[in-house]
PDB file of N, CA and C in Angstrom:
ATOM      1  N   MET A   1     -25.214  46.499 -77.952  1.00  0.00           N
ATOM      2  CA  MET A   1     -24.622  45.762 -77.485  1.00  0.00           C
ATOM      3  C   MET A   1     -24.540  46.137 -75.830  1.00  0.00           C
ATOM      4  N   LYS A   2     -24.605  45.058 -74.791  1.00  0.00           N
ATOM      5  CA  LYS A   2     -24.585  45.517 -73.697  1.00  0.00           C
ATOM      6  C   LYS A   2     -23.007  45.895 -73.287  1.00  0.00           C
ATOM      7  N   ARG A   3     -23.077  46.396 -71.922  1.00  0.00           N
ATOM      8  CA  ARG A   3     -21.767  46.893 -71.548  1.00  0.00           C
ATOM      9  C   ARG A   3     -21.649  45.700 -70.161  1.00  0.00           C
ATOM     10  N   LYS A   4     -20.634  45.450 -70.477  1.00  0.00           N
ATOM     11  CA  LYS A   4     -19.915  44.549 -69.092  1.00  0.00           C
ATOM     12  C   LYS A   4     -20.060  45.202 -68.027  1.00  0.00           C
ATOM     13  N   ARG A   5     -20.551  44.787 -66.948  1.00  0.00           N
ATOM     14  CA  ARG A   5     -20.542  45.309 -65.487  1.00  0.00           C
ATOM     15  C   ARG A   5     -19.314  45.072 -65.011  1.00  0.00           C
ATOM     16  N   ARG A   6     -18.562  46.522 -64.086  1.00  0.00           N
ATOM     17  CA  ARG A   6     -17.296  46.263 -63.709  1.00  0.00           C
ATOM     18  C   ARG A   6     -17.683  45.561 -62.085  1.00  0.00           C
ATOM     19  N   THR A   7     -16.976  44.558 -61.800  1.00  0.00           N
ATOM     20  CA  THR A   7     -17.143  44.114 -60.567  1.00  0.00           C
ATOM     21  C   THR A   7     -16.000  44.777 -59.486  1.00  0.00           C
ATOM     22  N   GLU A   8     -16.312  44.804 -58.379  1.00  0.00           N
ATOM     23  CA  GLU A   8     -15.451  45.489 -57.203  1.00  0.00           C
ATOM     24  C   GLU A   8     -14.414  44.257 -56.975  1.00  0.00           C
ATOM     25  N   ILE A   9     -12.963  44.773 -57.228  1.00  0.00           N
ATOM     26  CA  ILE A   9     -12.018  43.464 -56.812  1.00  0.00           C
ATOM     27  C   ILE A   9     -11.898  44.117 -55.402  1.00  0.00           C
ATOM     28  N   ASP A  10     -11.718  43.342 -54.647  1.00  0.00           N
ATOM     29  CA  ASP A  10     -11.253  43.295 -53.104  1.00  0.00           C
ATOM     30  C   ASP A  10     -10.565  42.252 -52.779  1.00  0.00           C
ATOM     31  N   ILE A  11      -9.255  42.297 -52.347  1.00  0.00           N
ATOM     32  CA  ILE A  11      -8.149  41.350 -51.606  1.00  0.00           C
ATOM     33  C   ILE A  11      -7.825  41.557 -50.580  1.00  0.00           C
ATOM     34  N   PRO A  12      -8.403  40.447 -49.581  1.00  0.00           N
ATOM     35  CA  PRO A  12      -8.179  40.181 -48.095  1.00  0.00           C
ATOM     36  C   PRO A  12      -6.582  41.019 -47.651  1.00  0.00           C
ATOM     37  N   GLY A  13      -6.368  41.728 -47.011  1.00  0.00           N
ATOM     38  CA  GLY A  13      -5.240  42.124 -46.738  1.00  0.00           C
ATOM     39  C   GLY A  13      -4.085  41.413 -45.767  1.00  0.00           C
ATOM     40  N   ASP A  14      -4.547  40.273 -45.546  1.00  0.00           N
ATOM     41  CA  ASP A  14      -3.595  39.154 -45.054  1.00  0.00           C
ATOM     42  C   ASP A  14      -2.906  38.205 -46.162  1.00  0.00           C
ATOM     43  N   MET A  15      -3.374  38.679 -47.368  1.00  0.00           N
ATOM     44  CA  MET A  15      -3.248  38.099 -48.443  1.00  0.00           C
ATOM     45  C   MET A  15      -1.216  38.252 -48.811  1.00  0.00           C
ATOM     46  N   THR A  16      -0.499  37.315 -49.034  1.00  0.00           N
ATOM     47  CA  THR A  16       0.795  37.554 -49.264  1.00  0.00           C
ATOM     48  C   THR A  16       0.976  37.210 -50.964  1.00  0.00           C
ATOM     49  N   PRO A  17       1.359  38.254 -52.108  1.00  0.00           N
ATOM     50  CA  PRO A  17       1.443  38.043 -53.445  1.00  0.00           C
ATOM     51  C   PRO A  17       2.960  37.689 -53.600  1.00  0.00           C
ATOM     52  N   VAL A  18       3.001  36.461 -54.490  1.00  0.00           N
ATOM     53  CA  VAL A  18       4.421  35.933 -54.394  1.00  0.00           C
ATOM     54  C   VAL A  18       4.656  35.478 -55.935  1.00  0.00           C
ATOM     55  N   ARG A  19       5.706  36.470 -56.529  1.00  0.00           N
ATOM     56  CA  ARG A  19       5.764  36.168 -57.830  1.00  0.00           C
ATOM     57  C   ARG A  19       6.329  34.797 -58.720  1.00  0.00           C
ATOM     58  N   THR A  20       5.710  34.495 -59.877  1.00  0.00           N
ATOM     59  CA  THR A  20       5.820  33.605 -60.438  1.00  0.00           C
ATOM     60  C   THR A  20       6.683  33.191 -61.634  1.00  0.00           C
ATOM     61  N   ALA A  21       6.658  34.586 -62.453  1.00  0.00           N
ATOM     62  CA  ALA A  21       7.275  34.925 -63.521  1.00  0.00           C
ATOM     63  C   ALA A  21       8.763  35.692 -63.277  1.00  0.00           C
ATOM     64  N   ARG A  22       9.401  35.676 -64.744  1.00  0.00           N
ATOM     65  CA  ARG A  22      11.053  35.903 -64.345  1.00  0.00           C
ATOM     66  C   ARG A  22      10.884  37.322 -64.762  1.00  0.00           C
ATOM     67  N   TRP A  23      11.727  38.149 -64.241  1.00  0.00           N
ATOM     68  CA  TRP A  23      11.625  39.475 -64.235  1.00  0.00           C
ATOM     69  C   TRP A  23      13.081  40.298 -64.292  1.00  0.00           C
ATOM     70  N   GLU A  24      13.022  41.213 -64.426  1.00  0.00           N
ATOM     71  CA  GLU A  24      14.795  42.055 -64.344  1.00  0.00           C
ATOM     72  C   GLU A  24      14.469  43.820 -64.602  1.00  0.00           C
ATOM     73  N   GLU A  25      15.093  44.398 -64.022  1.00  0.00           N
ATOM     74  CA  GLU A  25      14.963  45.962 -63.884  1.00  0.00           C
ATOM     75  C   GLU A  25      15.646  46.296 -65.049  1.00  0.00           C
ATOM     76  N   ASN A  26      15.589  47.082 -65.702  1.00  0.00           N
ATOM     77  CA  ASN A  26      15.824  48.050 -66.978  1.00  0.00           C
ATOM     78  C   ASN A  26      17.142  49.123 -66.178  1.00  0.00           C
ATOM     79  N   GLU A  27      17.379  49.905 -67.045  1.00  0.00           N
ATOM     80  CA  GLU A  27      18.435  50.853 -66.603  1.00  0.00           C
ATOM     81  C   GLU A  27      18.135  52.494 -66.161  1.00  0.00           C
ATOM     82  N   ASP A  28      16.311  52.238 -66.424  1.00  0.00           N
ATOM     83  CA  ASP A  28      16.125  53.463 -65.893  1.00  0.00           C
ATOM     84  C   ASP A  28      15.052  52.838 -64.589  1.00  0.00           C
ATOM     85  N   GLY A  29      15.380  51.834 -63.806  1.00  0.00           N
ATOM     86  CA  GLY A  29      14.924  51.624 -62.668  1.00  0.00           C
ATOM     87  C   GLY A  29      13.443  50.807 -62.714  1.00  0.00           C
ATOM     88  N   HIS A  30      13.039  51.161 -63.788  1.00  0.00           N
ATOM     89  CA  HIS A  30      11.562  49.715 -64.175  1.00  0.00           C
ATOM     90  C   HIS A  30      11.832  48.526 -64.313  1.00  0.00           C
ATOM     91  N   VAL A  31      10.681  47.885 -63.530  1.00  0.00           N
ATOM     92  CA  VAL A  31      11.014  46.359 -63.802  1.00  0.00           C
ATOM     93  C   VAL A  31       9.863  45.936 -65.053  1.00  0.00           C
ATOM     94  N   GLN A  32      10.479  45.094 -65.373  1.00  0.00           N
ATOM     95  CA  GLN A  32      10.091  43.846 -67.094  1.00  0.00           C
ATOM     96  C   GLN A  32       9.870  43.000 -66.638  1.00  0.00           C
ATOM     97  N   VAL A  33       8.533  42.479 -67.065  1.00  0.00           N
ATOM     98  CA  VAL A  33       8.214  41.145 -66.903  1.00  0.00           C
ATOM     99  C   VAL A  33       8.195  40.270 -67.930  1.00  0.00           C
ATOM    100  N   ARG A  34       8.787  39.070 -67.931  1.00  0.00           N
ATOM    101  CA  ARG A  34       8.549  37.891 -69.104  1.00  0.00           C
ATOM    102  C   ARG A  34       7.644  37.576 -69.163  1.00  0.00           C
ATOM    103  N   MET A  35       6.764  37.638 -70.144  1.00  0.00           N
ATOM    104  CA  MET A  35       5.311  37.139 -70.606  1.00  0.00           C
ATOM    105  C   MET A  35       5.368  36.154 -71.963  1.00  0.00           C
ATOM    106  N   GLN A  36       5.179  34.845 -71.556  1.00  0.00           N
ATOM    107  CA  GLN A  36       5.222  33.897 -72.742  1.00  0.00           C
ATOM    108  C   GLN A  36       4.307  34.278 -73.649  1.00  0.00           C
ATOM    109  N   LYS A  37       4.494  34.012 -75.120  1.00  0.00           N
ATOM    110  CA  LYS A  37       3.514  34.177 -76.010  1.00  0.00           C
ATOM    111  C   LYS A  37       2.938  33.822 -76.482  1.00  0.00           C
ATOM    112  N   PHE A  38       3.399  32.214 -76.737  1.00  0.00           N
ATOM    113  CA  PHE A  38       2.655  31.033 -77.132  1.00  0.00           C
ATOM    114  C   PHE A  38       2.672  29.967 -76.306  1.00  0.00           C
ATOM    115  N   GLU A  39       1.400  29.394 -76.093  1.00  0.00           N
ATOM    116  CA  GLU A  39       1.951  27.694 -74.840  1.00  0.00           C
ATOM    117  C   GLU A  39       1.749  26.782 -75.961  1.00  0.00           C
ATOM    118  N   GLY A  40       1.134  26.783 -76.993  1.00  0.00           N
ATOM    119  CA  GLY A  40       0.807  25.697 -78.063  1.00  0.00           C
ATOM    120  C   GLY A  40       2.061  25.289 -78.535  1.00  0.00           C
ATOM    121  N   ARG A  41       1.946  24.193 -78.970  1.00  0.00           N
ATOM    122  CA  ARG A  41       2.816  23.796 -79.847  1.00  0.00           C
ATOM    123  C   ARG A  41       3.277  24.232 -81.177  1.00  0.00           C
ATOM    124  N   LEU A  42       2.338  24.568 -81.910  1.00  0.00           N
ATOM    125  CA  LEU A  42       2.259  25.743 -83.273  1.00  0.00           C
ATOM    126  C   LEU A  42       3.333  26.669 -83.139  1.00  0.00           C
ATOM    127  N   GLY A  43       2.861  27.523 -82.181  1.00  0.00           N
ATOM    128  CA  GLY A  43       3.716  28.284 -81.765  1.00  0.00           C
ATOM    129  C   GLY A  43       4.505  28.898 -81.627  1.00  0.00           C
ATOM    130  N   GLN A  44       4.988  27.542 -80.668  1.00  0.00           N
ATOM    131  CA  GLN A  44       6.483  27.155 -79.946  1.00  0.00           C
ATOM    132  C   GLN A  44       7.462  27.045 -81.529  1.00  0.00           C
ATOM    133  N   TRP A  45       6.653  26.482 -81.985  1.00  0.00           N
ATOM    134  CA  TRP A  45       7.184  25.547 -83.202  1.00  0.00           C
ATOM    135  C   TRP A  45       7.853  26.678 -83.812  1.00  0.00           C
ATOM    136  N   LEU A  46       6.993  27.843 -84.619  1.00  0.00           N
ATOM    137  CA  LEU A  46       7.013  28.774 -85.193  1.00  0.00           C
ATOM    138  C   LEU A  46       8.169  29.935 -84.557  1.00  0.00           C
ATOM    139  N   CYS A  47       8.123  29.618 -83.631  1.00  0.00           N
ATOM    140  CA  CYS A  47       9.235  30.907 -82.967  1.00  0.00           C
ATOM    141  C   CYS A  47      10.566  30.361 -83.090  1.00  0.00           C
ATOM    142  N   ARG A  48      10.810  28.753 -82.999  1.00  0.00           N
ATOM    143  CA  ARG A  48      12.068  28.056 -83.439  1.00  0.00           C
ATOM    144  C   ARG A  48      12.648  28.375 -84.525  1.00  0.00           C
ATOM    145  N   VAL A  49      11.342  28.112 -85.174  1.00  0.00           N
ATOM    146  CA  VAL A  49      11.757  27.988 -86.759  1.00  0.00           C
ATOM    147  C   VAL A  49      12.286  29.574 -87.472  1.00  0.00           C
ATOM    148  N   LEU A  50      11.636  30.474 -86.711  1.00  0.00           N
ATOM    149  CA  LEU A  50      11.971  31.865 -87.360  1.00  0.00           C
ATOM    150  C   LEU A  50      12.917  32.559 -86.045  1.00  0.00           C
ATOM    151  N   HIS A  51      13.542  31.713 -85.196  1.00  0.00           N
ATOM    152  CA  HIS A  51      14.729  31.954 -84.639  1.00  0.00           C
ATOM    153  C   HIS A  51      14.478  33.373 -83.655  1.00  0.00           C
ATOM    154  N   LYS A  52      12.814  33.666 -83.029  1.00  0.00           N
ATOM    155  CA  LYS A  52      12.598  34.684 -82.596  1.00  0.00           C
ATOM    156  C   LYS A  52      12.080  33.927 -81.028  1.00  0.00           C
ATOM    157  N   PRO A  53      12.481  34.603 -80.040  1.00  0.00           N
ATOM    158  CA  PRO A  53      11.909  34.097 -78.578  1.00  0.00           C
ATOM    159  C   PRO A  53      10.431  34.133 -78.502  1.00  0.00           C
ATOM    160  N   ASN A  54      10.338  33.185 -77.360  1.00  0.00           N
ATOM    161  CA  ASN A  54       8.650  32.655 -77.446  1.00  0.00           C
ATOM    162  C   ASN A  54       8.205  33.463 -76.105  1.00  0.00           C
ATOM    163  N   TYR A  55       8.797  34.733 -75.894  1.00  0.00           N
ATOM    164  CA  TYR A  55       8.522  35.769 -74.642  1.00  0.00           C
ATOM    165  C   TYR A  55       8.511  37.064 -74.991  1.00  0.00           C
ATOM    166  N   ALA A  56       7.713  37.795 -74.337  1.00  0.00           N
ATOM    167  CA  ALA A  56       7.863  39.369 -74.850  1.00  0.00           C
ATOM    168  C   ALA A  56       7.903  39.750 -73.219  1.00  0.00           C
ATOM    169  N   MET A  57       8.481  41.087 -73.088  1.00  0.00           N
ATOM    170  CA  MET A  57       8.897  42.068 -72.181  1.00  0.00           C
ATOM    171  C   MET A  57       7.681  43.100 -71.968  1.00  0.00           C
ATOM    172  N   VAL A  58       7.433  42.842 -70.733  1.00  0.00           N
ATOM    173  CA  VAL A  58       6.168  43.721 -70.186  1.00  0.00           C
ATOM    174  C   VAL A  58       6.814  44.894 -69.092  1.00  0.00           C
ATOM    175  N   ARG A  59       6.713  45.997 -69.530  1.00  0.00           N
ATOM    176  CA  ARG A  59       7.548  47.065 -68.840  1.00  0.00           C
ATOM    177  C   ARG A  59       6.606  47.651 -67.936  1.00  0.00           C
ATOM    178  N   LEU A  60       6.705  47.652 -66.846  1.00  0.00           N
ATOM    179  CA  LEU A  60       6.136  48.303 -65.543  1.00  0.00           C
ATOM    180  C   LEU A  60       6.443  50.010 -65.307  1.00  0.00           C
ATOM    181  N   ASP A  61       5.307  50.763 -65.027  1.00  0.00           N
ATOM    182  CA  ASP A  61       5.263  51.786 -64.615  1.00  0.00           C
ATOM    183  C   ASP A  61       5.823  52.198 -63.200  1.00  0.00           C
ATOM    184  N   ASP A  62       5.963  53.436 -62.881  1.00  0.00           N
ATOM    185  CA  ASP A  62       6.884  53.684 -61.584  1.00  0.00           C
ATOM    186  C   ASP A  62       5.584  52.831 -60.383  1.00  0.00           C
ATOM    187  N   LEU A  63       4.623  53.141 -60.525  1.00  0.00           N
ATOM    188  CA  LEU A  63       3.685  52.347 -59.433  1.00  0.00           C
ATOM    189  C   LEU A  63       3.605  50.456 -59.545  1.00  0.00           C
ATOM    190  N   GLY A  64       3.453  50.598 -61.007  1.00  0.00           N
ATOM    191  CA  GLY A  64       3.420  48.852 -61.041  1.00  0.00           C
ATOM    192  C   GLY A  64       5.010  47.922 -60.471  1.00  0.00           C
ATOM    193  N   SER A  65       6.274  49.143 -60.849  1.00  0.00           N
ATOM    194  CA  SER A  65       7.513  48.582 -60.340  1.00  0.00           C
ATOM    195  C   SER A  65       7.539  48.540 -59.036  1.00  0.00           C
ATOM    196  N   PHE A  66       6.801  49.263 -58.232  1.00  0.00           N
ATOM    197  CA  PHE A  66       7.024  49.624 -56.516  1.00  0.00           C
ATOM    198  C   PHE A  66       6.456  48.133 -56.138  1.00  0.00           C
ATOM    199  N   ILE A  67       5.131  48.072 -56.888  1.00  0.00           N
ATOM    200  CA  ILE A  67       4.273  46.970 -56.368  1.00  0.00           C
ATOM    201  C   ILE A  67       5.049  45.561 -56.572  1.00  0.00           C
ATOM    202  N   TRP A  68       5.404  45.443 -57.794  1.00  0.00           N
ATOM    203  CA  TRP A  68       6.407  44.128 -58.033  1.00  0.00           C
ATOM    204  C   TRP A  68       7.407  44.079 -57.153  1.00  0.00           C
ATOM    205  N   ARG A  69       8.465  44.927 -56.917  1.00  0.00           N
ATOM    206  CA  ARG A  69       9.273  44.649 -55.824  1.00  0.00           C
ATOM    207  C   ARG A  69       9.024  44.266 -54.514  1.00  0.00           C
ATOM    208  N   GLN A  70       7.887  44.666 -54.085  1.00  0.00           N
ATOM    209  CA  GLN A  70       7.116  44.087 -52.677  1.00  0.00           C
ATOM    210  C   GLN A  70       6.239  42.406 -52.639  1.00  0.00           C
ATOM    211  N   CYS A  71       6.116  42.141 -53.995  1.00  0.00           N
ATOM    212  CA  CYS A  71       5.938  41.154 -54.440  1.00  0.00           C
ATOM    213  C   CYS A  71       6.814  39.707 -53.928  1.00  0.00           C
ATOM    214  N   ASP A  72       7.430  40.022 -52.587  1.00  0.00           N
ATOM    215  CA  ASP A  72       8.222  38.723 -52.467  1.00  0.00           C
ATOM    216  C   ASP A  72       7.963  37.398 -51.545  1.00  0.00           C
ATOM    217  N   GLY A  73       6.422  37.763 -51.207  1.00  0.00           N
ATOM    218  CA  GLY A  73       6.304  35.972 -50.493  1.00  0.00           C
ATOM    219  C   GLY A  73       6.266  36.436 -48.977  1.00  0.00           C
ATOM    220  N   CYS A  74       6.799  37.361 -48.539  1.00  0.00           N
ATOM    221  CA  CYS A  74       6.689  37.988 -46.914  1.00  0.00           C
ATOM    222  C   CYS A  74       5.672  38.994 -46.822  1.00  0.00           C
ATOM    223  N   THR A  75       5.765  40.044 -47.730  1.00  0.00           N
ATOM    224  CA  THR A  75       4.694  41.364 -47.684  1.00  0.00           C
ATOM    225  C   THR A  75       3.203  41.072 -47.845  1.00  0.00           C
ATOM    226  N   THR A  76       2.692  41.409 -47.280  1.00  0.00           N
ATOM    227  CA  THR A  76       1.265  41.594 -47.187  1.00  0.00           C
ATOM    228  C   THR A  76       0.730  42.638 -47.906  1.00  0.00           C
ATOM    229  N   VAL A  77      -0.694  42.249 -48.570  1.00  0.00           N
ATOM    230  CA  VAL A  77      -1.151  43.182 -49.358  1.00  0.00           C
ATOM    231  C   VAL A  77      -1.206  44.379 -48.614  1.00  0.00           C
ATOM    232  N   ASP A  78      -1.693  44.680 -47.032  1.00  0.00           N
ATOM    233  CA  ASP A  78      -1.765  45.820 -46.158  1.00  0.00           C
ATOM    234  C   ASP A  78      -0.687  46.214 -46.229  1.00  0.00           C
ATOM    235  N   ASP A  79       0.269  45.648 -45.913  1.00  0.00           N
ATOM    236  CA  ASP A  79       1.806  46.291 -46.005  1.00  0.00           C
ATOM    237  C   ASP A  79       2.017  47.255 -47.104  1.00  0.00           C
ATOM    238  N   ILE A  80       1.802  46.615 -48.471  1.00  0.00           N
ATOM    239  CA  ILE A  80       2.145  46.943 -49.626  1.00  0.00           C
ATOM    240  C   ILE A  80       1.205  48.509 -49.739  1.00  0.00           C
ATOM    241  N   LEU A  81       0.026  48.255 -49.344  1.00  0.00           N
ATOM    242  CA  LEU A  81      -0.898  49.538 -49.664  1.00  0.00           C
ATOM    243  C   LEU A  81      -0.173  50.711 -48.876  1.00  0.00           C
ATOM    244  N   THR A  82       0.452  50.399 -47.361  1.00  0.00           N
ATOM    245  CA  THR A  82       0.998  51.051 -46.536  1.00  0.00           C
ATOM    246  C   THR A  82       2.217  51.771 -46.824  1.00  0.00           C
ATOM    247  N   ALA A  83       2.910  50.640 -47.798  1.00  0.00           N
ATOM    248  CA  ALA A  83       4.239  51.555 -48.028  1.00  0.00           C
ATOM    249  C   ALA A  83       4.112  52.150 -49.167  1.00  0.00           C
ATOM    250  N   LEU A  84       3.088  52.068 -50.271  1.00  0.00           N
ATOM    251  CA  LEU A  84       2.691  52.610 -51.592  1.00  0.00           C
ATOM    252  C   LEU A  84       2.180  53.908 -51.177  1.00  0.00           C
ATOM    253  N   ASP A  85       1.269  54.251 -50.072  1.00  0.00           N
ATOM    254  CA  ASP A  85       0.815  55.470 -49.835  1.00  0.00           C
ATOM    255  C   ASP A  85       1.859  56.370 -49.156  1.00  0.00           C
ATOM    256  N   GLU A  86       2.879  55.616 -48.219  1.00  0.00           N
ATOM    257  CA  GLU A  86       4.083  56.397 -48.639  1.00  0.00           C
ATOM    258  C   GLU A  86       4.661  56.881 -49.054  1.00  0.00           C
ATOM    259  N   GLU A  87       5.093  56.190 -50.161  1.00  0.00           N
ATOM    260  CA  GLU A  87       5.940  56.348 -51.211  1.00  0.00           C
ATOM    261  C   GLU A  87       5.232  57.141 -52.322  1.00  0.00           C
ATOM    262  N   MET A  88       4.042  57.014 -52.547  1.00  0.00           N
ATOM    263  CA  MET A  88       3.346  57.464 -53.656  1.00  0.00           C
ATOM    264  C   MET A  88       1.866  57.901 -53.784  1.00  0.00           C
ATOM    265  N   GLY A  89       1.691  58.152 -52.372  1.00  0.00           N
ATOM    266  CA  GLY A  89       0.488  58.666 -51.853  1.00  0.00           C
ATOM    267  C   GLY A  89       0.029  59.983 -52.478  1.00  0.00           C
ATOM    268  N   ASP A  90       1.036  60.842 -52.602  1.00  0.00           N
ATOM    269  CA  ASP A  90       0.702  62.073 -52.990  1.00  0.00           C
ATOM    270  C   ASP A  90       0.357  62.587 -54.565  1.00  0.00           C
ATOM    271  N   ARG A  91       0.245  61.571 -55.302  1.00  0.00           N
ATOM    272  CA  ARG A  91      -0.292  61.291 -56.865  1.00  0.00           C
ATOM    273  C   ARG A  91      -1.499  61.123 -56.851  1.00  0.00           C
ATOM    274  N   PHE A  92      -2.249  60.800 -55.785  1.00  0.00           N
ATOM    275  CA  PHE A  92      -3.503  60.402 -55.953  1.00  0.00           C
ATOM    276  C   PHE A  92      -4.460  61.143 -55.068  1.00  0.00           C
ATOM    277  N   GLU A  93      -5.378  61.962 -55.630  1.00  0.00           N
ATOM    278  CA  GLU A  93      -6.192  62.642 -54.836  1.00  0.00           C
ATOM    279  C   GLU A  93      -6.953  62.111 -53.486  1.00  0.00           C
ATOM    280  N   VAL A  94      -7.390  61.041 -53.884  1.00  0.00           N
ATOM    281  CA  VAL A  94      -8.016  60.029 -52.894  1.00  0.00           C
ATOM    282  C   VAL A  94      -7.531  58.610 -52.891  1.00  0.00           C
ATOM    283  N   GLU A  95      -7.639  58.254 -51.208  1.00  0.00           N
ATOM    284  CA  GLU A  95      -6.892  57.232 -50.710  1.00  0.00           C
ATOM    285  C   GLU A  95      -7.446  55.870 -51.807  1.00  0.00           C
ATOM    286  N   GLU A  96      -8.672  55.667 -52.157  1.00  0.00           N
ATOM    287  CA  GLU A  96      -9.403  54.699 -52.298  1.00  0.00           C
ATOM    288  C   GLU A  96      -9.116  54.595 -53.887  1.00  0.00           C
ATOM    289  N   GLU A  97      -8.780  55.796 -54.593  1.00  0.00           N
ATOM    290  CA  GLU A  97      -8.525  55.830 -55.630  1.00  0.00           C
ATOM    291  C   GLU A  97      -6.965  54.856 -55.733  1.00  0.00           C
ATOM    292  N   LEU A  98      -6.103  55.161 -54.957  1.00  0.00           N
ATOM    293  CA  LEU A  98      -4.824  54.069 -54.658  1.00  0.00           C
ATOM    294  C   LEU A  98      -5.072  53.048 -54.691  1.00  0.00           C
ATOM    295  N   GLU A  99      -5.903  52.599 -53.673  1.00  0.00           N
ATOM    296  CA  GLU A  99      -6.195  51.368 -53.257  1.00  0.00           C
ATOM    297  C   GLU A  99      -6.772  50.516 -54.484  1.00  0.00           C
ATOM    298  N   LYS A 100      -7.803  51.206 -55.063  1.00  0.00           N
ATOM    299  CA  LYS A 100      -8.649  50.563 -56.084  1.00  0.00           C
ATOM    300  C   LYS A 100      -7.446  49.819 -57.378  1.00  0.00           C
ATOM    301  N   ARG A 101      -6.660  51.180 -57.812  1.00  0.00           N
ATOM    302  CA  ARG A 101      -5.750  50.725 -58.732  1.00  0.00           C
ATOM    303  C   ARG A 101      -4.679  49.669 -58.500  1.00  0.00           C
ATOM    304  N   THR A 102      -4.259  49.481 -57.299  1.00  0.00           N
ATOM    305  CA  THR A 102      -3.616  48.669 -56.501  1.00  0.00           C
ATOM    306  C   THR A 102      -4.561  47.175 -56.665  1.00  0.00           C
ATOM    307  N   PHE A 103      -5.392  46.880 -56.490  1.00  0.00           N
ATOM    308  CA  PHE A 103      -6.655  45.685 -56.317  1.00  0.00           C
ATOM    309  C   PHE A 103      -6.504  45.189 -57.851  1.00  0.00           C
ATOM    310  N   TYR A 104      -6.652  46.358 -58.590  1.00  0.00           N
ATOM    311  CA  TYR A 104      -7.077  45.846 -60.026  1.00  0.00           C
ATOM    312  C   TYR A 104      -5.547  45.416 -60.818  1.00  0.00           C
ATOM    313  N   PHE A 105      -4.493  45.977 -60.187  1.00  0.00           N
ATOM    314  CA  PHE A 105      -2.978  45.538 -60.797  1.00  0.00           C
ATOM    315  C   PHE A 105      -2.986  44.103 -60.099  1.00  0.00           C
ATOM    316  N   PHE A 106      -3.020  44.167 -58.886  1.00  0.00           N
ATOM    317  CA  PHE A 106      -2.895  42.285 -58.486  1.00  0.00           C
ATOM    318  C   PHE A 106      -3.513  41.514 -59.520  1.00  0.00           C
ATOM    319  N   HIS A 107      -4.940  41.958 -59.288  1.00  0.00           N
ATOM    320  CA  HIS A 107      -5.915  41.453 -60.117  1.00  0.00           C
ATOM    321  C   HIS A 107      -5.460  40.866 -61.719  1.00  0.00           C
ATOM    322  N   MET A 108      -4.808  41.905 -62.558  1.00  0.00           N
ATOM    323  CA  MET A 108      -4.235  41.584 -63.539  1.00  0.00           C
ATOM    324  C   MET A 108      -3.067  40.807 -63.467  1.00  0.00           C
ATOM    325  N   LEU A 109      -2.119  41.069 -62.614  1.00  0.00           N
ATOM    326  CA  LEU A 109      -1.111  40.121 -62.568  1.00  0.00           C
ATOM    327  C   LEU A 109      -1.144  38.839 -62.081  1.00  0.00           C
ATOM    328  N   ARG A 110      -2.561  38.249 -61.103  1.00  0.00           N
ATOM    329  CA  ARG A 110      -2.712  36.856 -61.041  1.00  0.00           C
ATOM    330  C   ARG A 110      -3.637  36.215 -62.012  1.00  0.00           C
ATOM    331  N   THR A 111      -4.340  37.095 -62.869  1.00  0.00           N
ATOM    332  CA  THR A 111      -5.105  36.457 -64.033  1.00  0.00           C
ATOM    333  C   THR A 111      -3.936  35.915 -65.264  1.00  0.00           C
ATOM    334  N   ARG A 112      -2.873  36.659 -65.495  1.00  0.00           N
ATOM    335  CA  ARG A 112      -1.924  36.482 -66.162  1.00  0.00           C
ATOM    336  C   ARG A 112      -0.665  35.578 -65.505  1.00  0.00           C
ATOM    337  N   GLY A 113      -0.854  35.152 -64.778  1.00  0.00           N
ATOM    338  CA  GLY A 113       0.004  33.836 -64.128  1.00  0.00           C
ATOM    339  C   GLY A 113       1.463  34.782 -63.614  1.00  0.00           C
ATOM    340  N   PHE A 114       1.315  36.091 -63.810  1.00  0.00           N
ATOM    341  CA  PHE A 114       2.408  36.738 -62.860  1.00  0.00           C
ATOM    342  C   PHE A 114       2.723  36.578 -61.481  1.00  0.00           C
ATOM    343  N   ILE A 115       1.738  36.498 -60.659  1.00  0.00           N
ATOM    344  CA  ILE A 115       1.952  36.159 -59.145  1.00  0.00           C
ATOM    345  C   ILE A 115       0.908  35.361 -58.574  1.00  0.00           C
ATOM    346  N   ASN A 116       0.685  34.678 -57.672  1.00  0.00           N
ATOM    347  CA  ASN A 116       0.118  34.085 -56.720  1.00  0.00           C
ATOM    348  C   ASN A 116      -0.203  34.467 -55.134  1.00  0.00           C
ATOM    349  N   LEU A 117      -1.345  34.399 -54.836  1.00  0.00           N
ATOM    350  CA  LEU A 117      -1.879  35.127 -53.624  1.00  0.00           C
ATOM    351  C   LEU A 117      -2.064  34.059 -52.607  1.00  0.00           C
ATOM    352  N   GLU A 118      -1.058  34.273 -51.812  1.00  0.00           N
ATOM    353  CA  GLU A 118      -0.855  33.116 -50.902  1.00  0.00           C
ATOM    354  C   GLU A 118      -1.603  33.534 -49.290  1.00  0.00           C
ATOM    355  N   LYS A 119      -2.369  32.935 -48.428  1.00  0.00           N
ATOM    356  CA  LYS A 119      -2.580  33.122 -47.280  1.00  0.00           C
ATOM    357  C   LYS A 119      -1.417  33.145 -46.076  1.00  0.00           C
ATOM    358  N   LYS A 120      -1.320  34.132 -45.369  1.00  0.00           N
ATOM    359  CA  LYS A 120      -0.086  34.167 -44.240  1.00  0.00           C
ATOM    360  C   LYS A 120      -0.315  33.264 -43.475  1.00  0.00           C
TER     361      LYS A 120
END
């Protein structure tokens, strides 16, 4: 079986991430993002019948929570990277590692519909 080739994820620094998902902060200060389980009518019906919520809470780690709080629609990707480097830069040996992980996190948030990236 062939392995998928990883592509480099590069997001222009002047883009502004805007949150589109509901979220809350739990008691230990981490962000929890609300993710819809089912979009189809059958899944939604099943949740209603079983009296279960049609969402799950995704708990973010320290880095994810910090980035999520910065996605306010005013702060650019470059500004977030600068603040992140000041706040948590000592956790990473190489600055590119922090940038790569942040870009991948933005990519995951965007593909799941949690944020939109807008041109400022």
